[in-house]
Amino acid sequence: MKFYSHYLQRLFVAIICLANRPFKRDFMHPFNMHRQRGLKFFRPHLQLISKSDRFFERLQDIRYGSTSDPLQDDDLLKHRVASSDDSEESVFDRFAKELEAALPKKSLNSFPSGMSTPTAPNSRTEPSIVIFDITALRARYDKLENSEKSLRGILKKFDLSGDDGRRTLAAIPKNFGTQINDLKCRFPNCVEFLDFVGHFAHLARLRHGEPHLRFPPVLLAGPPGVGKTAVVREVAKLLDVQCRVLDMASTTAGFVLSGMSSSWSEAKTGCIVDLLRDGKTANPMLVLDEIDKASTSSKFNPLGALYTLLEPDAAKNFIDEALDMPCDASQLLVIATANDLGRISAPLLSRFVVLHIEAITSEHRATVIRSIYRAVLGHLCVVEHFDVELADEVIDTLTDFSPRQTKIALMRSVAAAASRYRNPDDRVAIQNDDLVKPNDAQRDKPMGYIW
């Protein structure tokens, strides 16, 4: 009997699940979603425990009390096994069909019309963490009243039927070190930041399992147009994570980050929840661009949510006002940029690792001009028709151009050179005659990046 005890327990749980009783609220339970599949799974075990008295006692415990119940007479089933010419497997297979016919086939879908029954979560091979409590969100949706239209609209943006609330942790590419070195050549003034990222990538590889990049919040400080935002975008591309750039200069209220309460008719979630909900990874990148220019009004301070977000322990229970439920934002890669550190409050500044991005030096200007030129070709989708290298005389002419004028001049020169395109096998080269020189008042600007 001890040998069959675990079979008895599993069978009892299966029958209870199929009867849709104690587990009817557990929508993700496989037997609630697949009655037939659950029954077939336990049929092989019926043969092994056919002569167990405890088996019949278990069945008697869940009887319905109806005279038409096929489980009413335990001796009847024993007699079938003993007297039938068929094998025990055939007898119990027929008994299983009678059992299935006796169980109530209640609808397990308590969702409103238009929302499907949840499916079992897919097996994952990548490391993942729970970001949202989908079960709690689903229960909250079921209890909504007709007057709560704003919250209903917010919850509908979640895939309550298919999402399990988990997000994968994007792994570091195997050639990440080589790619970082390539970025150092393209962004020679951002070596300090790229070294910072590279060091934490090496640290991540020491952890067990699939390594994923994680570093403390970073603030890149430097003059305008030196490539702060551009280099961050490139790092996000290497990691293959979603990158959201938030212009803090135009952000005037805290709900942009932490959401607006559902008590308002125009309630909505903040960009942090949006980024984690709509993305596939638990560690996307959030760029707070020009954080020193954000409004510091005490009534509508857009930086208030950062005091929680930038603390790893507190970020594990980050609360969006629209959801009013915690979510795990601790894996978010937060990078801010600023021109003037003096305009940032000391408590907020202390939560960042400050790295300085210097202006482009004369020895690096040629590298920057080439980088802008390749970006222009990519933006115009004509890379395959133009020579990807600029002549030295063209670079010398562009050296004194401002960043914005460099971009505009190269775009106009590409358009002018397009008239010389004849043979699909040839590549058009930019010439000095294609360049349109800016006014003198626009030339004396520091060299930097456009993208």
Protein backbone atom coordinates (compact mmCIF):
# COMPACT_ATOMS: atom_id res chain seq x y z
CA MET A 1 0.00 0.00 0.00
CA LYS A 2 2.87 2.38 0.69
CA PHE A 3 4.05 1.84 -2.87
CA TYR A 4 0.78 3.13 -4.24
CA SER A 5 0.32 6.03 -1.82
CA HIS A 6 1.74 8.70 -4.16
CA TYR A 7 -0.44 7.43 -7.00
CA LEU A 8 -3.49 7.75 -4.78
CA GLN A 9 -2.64 11.29 -3.84
CA ARG A 10 -2.06 12.37 -7.43
CA LEU A 11 -5.26 10.72 -8.60
CA PHE A 12 -7.27 12.38 -5.86
CA VAL A 13 -5.91 15.81 -6.83
CA ALA A 14 -6.66 15.12 -10.49
CA ILE A 15 -10.29 14.17 -9.80
CA ILE A 16 -10.81 17.22 -7.61
CA CYS A 17 -9.38 19.44 -10.36
CA LEU A 18 -11.56 17.80 -12.98
CA ALA A 19 -14.58 18.29 -10.75
CA ASN A 20 -13.79 22.02 -10.83
CA ARG A 21 -14.14 22.45 -7.08
CA PRO A 22 -11.32 23.78 -4.86
CA PHE A 23 -9.14 24.79 -7.82
CA LYS A 24 -11.71 26.55 -9.96
CA ARG A 25 -10.08 29.94 -9.32
CA ASP A 26 -6.65 28.68 -10.33
CA PHE A 27 -6.93 29.56 -14.02
CA MET A 28 -3.39 28.49 -14.87
CA HIS A 29 -3.82 24.94 -13.49
CA PRO A 30 -3.34 22.50 -16.39
CA PHE A 31 -6.30 20.31 -15.40
CA ASN A 32 -8.66 23.25 -15.33
CA MET A 33 -7.62 24.07 -18.89
CA HIS A 34 -7.41 20.53 -20.25
CA ARG A 35 -9.94 18.16 -18.67
CA GLN A 36 -9.41 15.45 -21.26
CA ARG A 37 -5.65 15.71 -21.08
CA GLY A 38 -5.63 15.45 -17.29
CA LEU A 39 -7.87 12.39 -17.31
CA LYS A 40 -5.78 10.57 -19.91
CA PHE A 41 -2.66 11.31 -17.90
CA PHE A 42 -3.97 9.43 -14.87
CA ARG A 43 -5.56 6.47 -16.67
CA PRO A 44 -2.35 4.38 -16.64
CA HIS A 45 -2.22 4.74 -12.85
CA LEU A 46 -5.74 3.36 -12.40
CA GLN A 47 -4.56 -0.12 -13.35
CA LEU A 48 -1.79 -0.05 -10.75
CA ILE A 49 -4.10 0.86 -7.86
CA SER A 50 -7.15 -1.16 -8.90
CA LYS A 51 -7.16 -3.39 -5.82
CA SER A 52 -6.48 -0.69 -3.29
CA ASP A 53 -9.21 -0.14 -0.70
CA ARG A 54 -7.93 3.39 -0.15
CA PHE A 55 -8.57 4.09 -3.82
CA PHE A 56 -12.28 3.37 -3.42
CA GLU A 57 -12.38 5.30 -0.15
CA ARG A 58 -10.95 8.32 -1.93
CA LEU A 59 -13.57 8.09 -4.63
CA GLN A 60 -16.29 7.72 -2.02
CA ASP A 61 -15.11 10.93 -0.32
CA ILE A 62 -15.84 13.02 -3.41
CA ARG A 63 -19.13 11.37 -4.35
CA TYR A 64 -21.96 13.71 -5.27
CA GLY A 65 -24.71 11.97 -3.35
CA SER A 66 -26.81 11.36 -6.47
CA THR A 67 -28.28 7.90 -7.10
CA SER A 68 -27.12 8.14 -10.69
CA ASP A 69 -23.55 8.62 -9.56
CA PRO A 70 -21.43 5.77 -11.02
CA LEU A 71 -19.19 5.99 -7.95
CA GLN A 72 -22.01 5.21 -5.52
CA ASP A 73 -21.31 1.50 -5.15
CA ASP A 74 -17.66 0.72 -4.53
CA ASP A 75 -18.27 -3.03 -4.74
CA LEU A 76 -19.67 -2.62 -8.23
CA LEU A 77 -16.33 -1.45 -9.56
CA LYS A 78 -14.48 -4.18 -7.67
CA HIS A 79 -16.84 -6.71 -9.18
CA ARG A 80 -16.19 -5.37 -12.68
CA VAL A 81 -12.47 -5.87 -12.28
CA ALA A 82 -12.83 -9.36 -10.81
CA SER A 83 -15.47 -10.78 -13.17
CA SER A 84 -14.74 -9.12 -16.49
CA ASP A 85 -12.97 -11.06 -19.21
CA ASP A 86 -11.35 -7.87 -20.38
CA SER A 87 -8.06 -6.65 -19.04
CA GLU A 88 -7.98 -4.40 -16.01
CA GLU A 89 -6.80 -1.58 -18.26
CA SER A 90 -9.93 -1.86 -20.43
CA VAL A 91 -12.22 -2.01 -17.40
CA PHE A 92 -10.71 1.09 -15.86
CA ASP A 93 -10.68 2.88 -19.19
CA ARG A 94 -14.45 2.43 -19.39
CA PHE A 95 -14.75 3.45 -15.75
CA ALA A 96 -12.79 6.62 -16.47
CA LYS A 97 -15.27 7.52 -19.21
CA GLU A 98 -18.16 7.05 -16.77
CA LEU A 99 -16.33 9.20 -14.26
CA GLU A 100 -15.84 11.93 -16.83
CA ALA A 101 -19.52 11.82 -17.80
CA ALA A 102 -20.52 12.21 -14.15
CA LEU A 103 -18.36 15.27 -13.51
CA PRO A 104 -19.95 18.71 -14.03
CA LYS A 105 -18.70 20.48 -17.13
CA LYS A 106 -18.85 24.02 -15.82
CA SER A 107 -17.37 26.88 -17.76
CA LEU A 108 -14.00 27.85 -16.40
CA ASN A 109 -13.90 31.16 -18.18
CA SER A 110 -14.80 33.95 -15.79
CA PHE A 111 -13.44 36.64 -18.07
CA PRO A 112 -15.65 39.14 -19.85
CA SER A 113 -16.53 38.55 -23.46
CA GLY A 114 -13.64 39.18 -25.79
CA MET A 115 -11.01 37.86 -23.37
CA SER A 116 -9.82 34.30 -23.83
CA THR A 117 -9.04 31.68 -21.20
CA PRO A 118 -5.41 31.77 -20.05
CA THR A 119 -3.00 29.30 -21.53
CA ALA A 120 -0.22 27.58 -19.67
CA PRO A 121 3.04 29.55 -19.66
CA ASN A 122 5.61 28.53 -22.22
CA SER A 123 8.73 26.85 -20.99
CA ARG A 124 11.66 29.23 -20.90
CA THR A 125 15.28 28.50 -21.37
CA GLU A 126 16.47 32.06 -20.72
CA PRO A 127 16.70 33.37 -17.15
CA SER A 128 13.65 35.40 -16.28
CA ILE A 129 12.05 37.18 -13.33
CA VAL A 130 8.49 38.07 -12.39
CA ILE A 131 7.76 41.71 -13.21
CA PHE A 132 3.97 41.86 -12.83
CA ASP A 133 1.57 39.84 -10.68
CA ILE A 134 -0.78 38.89 -13.51
CA THR A 135 -3.01 36.84 -11.20
CA ALA A 136 -3.64 39.89 -9.03
CA LEU A 137 -4.25 42.07 -12.09
CA ARG A 138 -6.68 39.50 -13.47
CA ALA A 139 -8.56 39.30 -10.17
CA ARG A 140 -8.76 43.06 -10.06
CA TYR A 141 -10.14 43.15 -13.60
CA ASP A 142 -12.86 40.67 -12.67
CA LYS A 143 -14.00 42.88 -9.77
CA LEU A 144 -14.16 46.12 -11.74
CA GLU A 145 -17.39 48.03 -11.68
CA ASN A 146 -18.93 49.66 -14.73
CA SER A 147 -17.94 53.10 -13.48
CA GLU A 148 -14.22 52.24 -13.42
CA LYS A 149 -13.69 52.80 -17.12
CA SER A 150 -10.23 54.34 -16.86
CA LEU A 151 -8.81 51.42 -14.88
CA ARG A 152 -10.48 48.96 -17.24
CA GLY A 153 -8.70 50.59 -20.16
CA ILE A 154 -5.37 50.42 -18.32
CA LEU A 155 -5.72 46.71 -17.49
CA LYS A 156 -6.79 45.85 -21.03
CA LYS A 157 -3.34 46.89 -22.23
CA PHE A 158 -1.96 43.89 -20.35
CA ASP A 159 -2.23 40.49 -21.98
CA LEU A 160 -4.11 38.98 -19.04
CA SER A 161 -4.86 35.78 -20.92
CA GLY A 162 -1.42 34.90 -22.27
CA ASP A 163 1.12 36.86 -20.23
CA ASP A 164 2.59 35.18 -17.15
CA GLY A 165 4.13 38.41 -15.88
CA ARG A 166 7.69 37.20 -16.44
CA ARG A 167 10.34 38.88 -18.59
CA THR A 168 13.64 37.44 -19.72
CA LEU A 169 16.98 38.96 -18.79
CA ALA A 170 18.77 39.87 -22.02
CA ALA A 171 22.10 38.07 -22.12
CA ILE A 172 25.40 39.75 -22.93
CA PRO A 173 26.57 38.89 -26.48
CA LYS A 174 29.65 36.71 -26.69
CA ASN A 175 31.54 39.29 -28.76
CA PHE A 176 30.45 42.19 -26.55
CA GLY A 177 34.03 43.11 -25.63
CA THR A 178 35.04 43.44 -29.28
CA GLN A 179 31.96 45.51 -30.03
CA ILE A 180 32.72 47.85 -27.12
CA ASN A 181 36.24 48.36 -28.48
CA ASP A 182 34.75 49.27 -31.86
CA LEU A 183 32.57 51.88 -30.16
CA LYS A 184 35.65 53.36 -28.52
CA CYS A 185 37.02 54.07 -31.99
CA ARG A 186 33.76 55.71 -33.07
CA PHE A 187 33.27 57.62 -29.79
CA PRO A 188 36.81 58.43 -28.64
CA ASN A 189 35.62 60.92 -26.02
CA CYS A 190 33.29 58.34 -24.39
CA VAL A 191 35.98 55.84 -23.42
CA GLU A 192 35.31 56.28 -19.69
CA PHE A 193 31.66 55.29 -20.06
CA LEU A 194 32.43 52.40 -22.43
CA ASP A 195 35.07 51.09 -20.02
CA PHE A 196 32.49 51.32 -17.23
CA VAL A 197 30.05 49.18 -19.24
CA GLY A 198 32.78 46.74 -20.23
CA HIS A 199 33.90 46.23 -16.62
CA PHE A 200 30.39 45.34 -15.46
CA ALA A 201 30.04 43.01 -18.45
CA HIS A 202 33.13 41.12 -17.26
CA LEU A 203 31.68 41.03 -13.75
CA ALA A 204 28.41 39.59 -15.06
CA ARG A 205 30.24 36.68 -16.70
CA LEU A 206 31.39 35.52 -13.27
CA ARG A 207 27.81 34.81 -12.23
CA HIS A 208 26.29 31.38 -12.74
CA GLY A 209 23.91 30.86 -15.62
CA GLU A 210 23.40 33.16 -18.59
CA PRO A 211 25.15 36.48 -17.82
CA HIS A 212 23.12 39.67 -18.14
CA LEU A 213 24.40 43.22 -17.81
CA ARG A 214 23.55 45.13 -14.68
CA PHE A 215 25.16 48.33 -13.44
CA PRO A 216 24.21 51.17 -11.06
CA PRO A 217 22.46 54.27 -12.43
CA VAL A 218 24.85 56.38 -14.50
CA LEU A 219 24.86 60.12 -15.17
CA LEU A 220 26.83 61.25 -18.24
CA ALA A 221 27.84 64.89 -17.82
CA GLY A 222 29.28 67.02 -20.59
CA PRO A 223 28.63 69.86 -23.03
CA PRO A 224 25.89 69.58 -25.68
CA GLY A 225 26.55 67.58 -28.82
CA VAL A 226 29.43 65.44 -27.58
CA GLY A 227 27.71 62.08 -28.14
CA LYS A 228 26.19 61.26 -24.74
CA THR A 229 22.82 60.06 -26.03
CA ALA A 230 24.31 58.63 -29.22
CA VAL A 231 26.71 56.29 -27.44
CA VAL A 232 23.97 55.09 -25.08
CA ARG A 233 21.77 54.15 -28.05
CA GLU A 234 24.64 52.18 -29.55
CA VAL A 235 25.19 50.23 -26.33
CA ALA A 236 21.47 49.38 -26.24
CA LYS A 237 21.74 48.04 -29.81
CA LEU A 238 24.65 45.81 -28.82
CA LEU A 239 22.66 44.39 -25.90
CA ASP A 240 19.55 44.00 -28.09
CA VAL A 241 17.31 45.63 -25.48
CA GLN A 242 14.61 48.21 -25.88
CA CYS A 243 15.82 51.77 -25.33
CA ARG A 244 13.45 54.55 -24.29
CA VAL A 245 14.82 58.11 -24.40
CA LEU A 246 12.77 60.47 -22.25
CA ASP A 247 13.29 64.18 -22.86
CA MET A 248 13.30 65.54 -19.32
CA ALA A 249 13.43 69.14 -20.54
CA SER A 250 9.85 68.81 -21.77
CA THR A 251 8.65 66.63 -18.87
CA THR A 252 6.59 68.74 -16.51
CA ALA A 253 4.83 66.22 -14.24
CA GLY A 254 5.64 63.09 -12.30
CA PHE A 255 2.95 60.96 -13.96
CA VAL A 256 5.17 60.66 -17.05
CA LEU A 257 7.39 58.31 -15.05
CA SER A 258 5.10 56.90 -12.37
CA GLY A 259 1.65 57.10 -13.95
CA MET A 260 -1.57 58.97 -13.21
CA SER A 261 -4.03 57.73 -10.61
CA SER A 262 -6.97 55.72 -11.94
CA SER A 263 -9.33 58.10 -10.15
CA TRP A 264 -8.72 60.55 -13.02
CA SER A 265 -10.64 60.09 -16.25
CA GLU A 266 -7.44 60.33 -18.31
CA ALA A 267 -5.46 57.95 -16.10
CA LYS A 268 -2.56 56.09 -17.68
CA THR A 269 0.52 54.17 -16.66
CA GLY A 270 3.94 55.79 -16.66
CA CYS A 271 6.74 55.09 -19.10
CA ILE A 272 8.44 52.66 -16.69
CA VAL A 273 5.46 50.29 -16.62
CA ASP A 274 4.92 50.81 -20.35
CA LEU A 275 8.52 49.86 -21.06
CA LEU A 276 8.35 46.69 -18.96
CA ARG A 277 4.85 45.71 -20.10
CA ASP A 278 5.35 46.12 -23.85
CA GLY A 279 8.93 44.87 -23.99
CA LYS A 280 10.24 41.31 -23.89
CA THR A 281 13.08 41.86 -21.44
CA ALA A 282 13.32 42.67 -17.74
CA ASN A 283 16.38 44.87 -18.26
CA PRO A 284 15.53 47.46 -20.93
CA MET A 285 17.34 50.80 -21.01
CA LEU A 286 15.77 54.06 -19.83
CA VAL A 287 17.60 57.25 -20.84
CA LEU A 288 16.72 60.42 -18.91
CA ASP A 289 17.99 62.97 -21.40
CA GLU A 290 18.97 66.43 -20.10
CA ILE A 291 17.86 65.69 -16.57
CA ASP A 292 19.32 69.00 -15.39
CA LYS A 293 16.66 70.86 -17.42
CA ALA A 294 13.68 69.10 -15.80
CA SER A 295 11.14 71.26 -14.01
CA THR A 296 11.66 71.31 -10.24
CA SER A 297 8.22 72.57 -9.28
CA SER A 298 7.25 71.19 -5.88
CA LYS A 299 3.69 70.57 -7.07
CA PHE A 300 4.50 68.71 -10.30
CA ASN A 301 8.04 67.45 -9.78
CA PRO A 302 8.79 64.91 -12.55
CA LEU A 303 11.86 63.65 -10.69
CA GLY A 304 10.04 62.40 -7.59
CA ALA A 305 9.70 58.83 -8.86
CA LEU A 306 13.47 58.57 -9.37
CA TYR A 307 14.15 58.46 -5.64
CA THR A 308 12.50 55.02 -5.60
CA LEU A 309 13.58 53.85 -9.03
CA LEU A 310 17.28 54.51 -8.44
CA GLU A 311 17.42 52.45 -5.23
CA PRO A 312 17.69 48.73 -6.19
CA ASP A 313 15.84 47.40 -3.14
CA ALA A 314 13.03 49.93 -3.47
CA ALA A 315 12.82 49.43 -7.24
CA LYS A 316 11.82 45.79 -6.70
CA ASN A 317 8.48 47.12 -5.46
CA PHE A 318 8.07 50.12 -7.72
CA ILE A 319 4.46 51.33 -7.62
CA ASP A 320 2.82 52.99 -10.59
CA GLU A 321 -0.04 55.23 -9.47
CA ALA A 322 -2.35 54.00 -12.22
CA LEU A 323 -1.94 50.33 -11.25
CA ASP A 324 -1.47 50.94 -7.52
CA MET A 325 0.34 47.59 -7.43
CA PRO A 326 4.08 46.87 -7.15
CA CYS A 327 6.19 45.76 -10.09
CA ASP A 328 9.86 44.79 -10.26
CA ALA A 329 11.88 47.53 -11.97
CA SER A 330 15.16 46.63 -10.27
CA GLN A 331 16.78 45.30 -13.46
CA LEU A 332 16.12 48.48 -15.45
CA LEU A 333 19.29 50.05 -16.88
CA VAL A 334 18.95 53.75 -16.04
CA ILE A 335 21.24 56.30 -17.71
CA ALA A 336 20.85 60.07 -17.42
CA THR A 337 22.57 62.88 -19.31
CA ALA A 338 23.21 66.45 -18.19
CA ASN A 339 25.09 69.58 -19.18
CA ASP A 340 25.19 71.32 -15.79
CA LEU A 341 25.52 69.22 -12.63
CA GLY A 342 24.91 72.29 -10.47
CA ARG A 343 21.23 72.27 -11.41
CA ILE A 344 20.66 68.76 -10.02
CA SER A 345 19.75 68.36 -6.35
CA ALA A 346 22.33 66.71 -4.11
CA PRO A 347 20.04 63.83 -2.95
CA LEU A 348 19.30 62.89 -6.56
CA LEU A 349 22.89 63.34 -7.73
CA SER A 350 24.13 61.03 -4.97
CA ARG A 351 22.15 58.15 -6.50
CA PHE A 352 24.14 58.27 -9.76
CA VAL A 353 27.63 57.29 -10.78
CA VAL A 354 28.80 60.47 -12.52
CA LEU A 355 30.97 60.03 -15.62
CA HIS A 356 32.28 62.98 -17.62
CA ILE A 357 32.12 63.10 -21.42
CA GLU A 358 34.52 65.70 -22.75
CA ALA A 359 34.23 67.73 -25.93
CA ILE A 360 35.72 66.38 -29.14
CA THR A 361 39.38 67.26 -29.54
CA SER A 362 40.92 68.27 -32.86
CA GLU A 363 42.65 64.90 -33.21
CA HIS A 364 39.30 63.11 -32.97
CA ARG A 365 37.25 65.36 -35.24
CA ALA A 366 37.98 63.31 -38.35
CA THR A 367 36.59 60.21 -36.60
CA VAL A 368 33.46 62.11 -35.59
CA ILE A 369 32.88 63.46 -39.11
CA ARG A 370 33.13 59.96 -40.57
CA SER A 371 30.67 58.70 -37.96
CA ILE A 372 28.17 61.45 -38.83
CA TYR A 373 28.58 60.73 -42.54
CA ARG A 374 27.81 57.02 -42.09
CA ALA A 375 24.80 57.93 -39.98
CA VAL A 376 23.55 60.24 -42.76
CA LEU A 377 23.89 57.47 -45.36
CA GLY A 378 22.02 55.07 -43.11
CA HIS A 379 19.31 57.62 -42.39
CA LEU A 380 18.81 58.23 -46.12
CA CYS A 381 18.98 54.47 -46.91
CA VAL A 382 21.62 54.92 -49.63
CA VAL A 383 24.60 53.15 -48.07
CA GLU A 384 24.98 50.73 -50.99
CA HIS A 385 25.17 53.56 -53.56
CA PHE A 386 27.82 55.80 -51.96
CA ASP A 387 31.42 55.46 -50.96
CA VAL A 388 31.42 54.97 -47.18
CA GLU A 389 34.72 56.83 -46.80
CA LEU A 390 35.16 60.57 -47.14
CA ALA A 391 38.14 62.10 -48.90
CA ASP A 392 40.67 63.87 -46.69
CA GLU A 393 40.00 67.21 -48.38
CA VAL A 394 36.28 66.90 -47.57
CA ILE A 395 37.06 66.12 -43.94
CA ASP A 396 39.39 69.15 -43.76
CA THR A 397 36.59 71.36 -45.04
CA LEU A 398 34.11 69.99 -42.49
CA THR A 399 36.46 70.31 -39.52
CA ASP A 400 35.32 73.83 -38.65
CA PHE A 401 31.62 73.11 -39.16
CA SER A 402 29.27 72.99 -36.20
CA PRO A 403 27.68 69.59 -35.46
CA ARG A 404 24.30 70.59 -36.85
CA GLN A 405 25.83 72.20 -39.92
CA THR A 406 27.98 69.11 -40.48
CA LYS A 407 24.87 66.99 -40.64
CA ILE A 408 22.99 69.38 -42.91
CA ALA A 409 25.99 69.89 -45.20
CA LEU A 410 26.52 66.15 -45.59
CA MET A 411 22.83 65.53 -46.31
CA ARG A 412 22.86 68.23 -49.01
CA SER A 413 26.13 66.94 -50.45
CA VAL A 414 24.71 63.40 -50.70
CA ALA A 415 21.67 64.77 -52.53
CA ALA A 416 23.89 66.77 -54.90
CA ALA A 417 26.19 63.81 -55.58
CA ALA A 418 23.20 61.58 -56.38
CA SER A 419 22.93 63.30 -59.78
CA ARG A 420 26.26 61.68 -60.74
CA TYR A 421 24.93 58.17 -60.13
CA ARG A 422 24.97 56.20 -63.40
CA ASN A 423 26.10 52.60 -63.00
CA PRO A 424 24.63 50.30 -60.31
CA ASP A 425 28.09 48.80 -59.83
CA ASP A 426 29.69 52.16 -59.03
CA ARG A 427 29.70 54.03 -55.74
CA VAL A 428 29.37 57.80 -55.71
CA ALA A 429 32.07 59.72 -53.81
CA ILE A 430 31.42 63.02 -52.03
CA GLN A 431 33.48 65.92 -53.38
CA ASN A 432 34.32 69.33 -52.01
CA ASP A 433 32.15 70.94 -54.66
CA ASP A 434 29.13 69.12 -53.21
CA LEU A 435 29.49 70.87 -49.85
CA VAL A 436 27.49 73.98 -49.02
CA LYS A 437 29.43 76.09 -46.54
CA PRO A 438 27.50 77.61 -43.59
CA ASN A 439 27.47 81.26 -42.63
CA ASP A 440 30.38 82.48 -40.53
CA ALA A 441 28.09 83.05 -37.55
CA GLN A 442 27.23 79.37 -37.51
CA ARG A 443 30.72 77.92 -37.84
CA ASP A 444 32.39 78.60 -34.50
CA LYS A 445 30.60 75.85 -32.55
CA PRO A 446 32.15 72.90 -30.68
CA MET A 447 32.31 69.68 -32.62
CA GLY A 448 29.98 66.90 -31.44
CA TYR A 449 27.50 64.23 -32.46
CA ILE A 450 24.11 64.58 -34.07
CA TRP A 451 22.75 61.09 -33.43
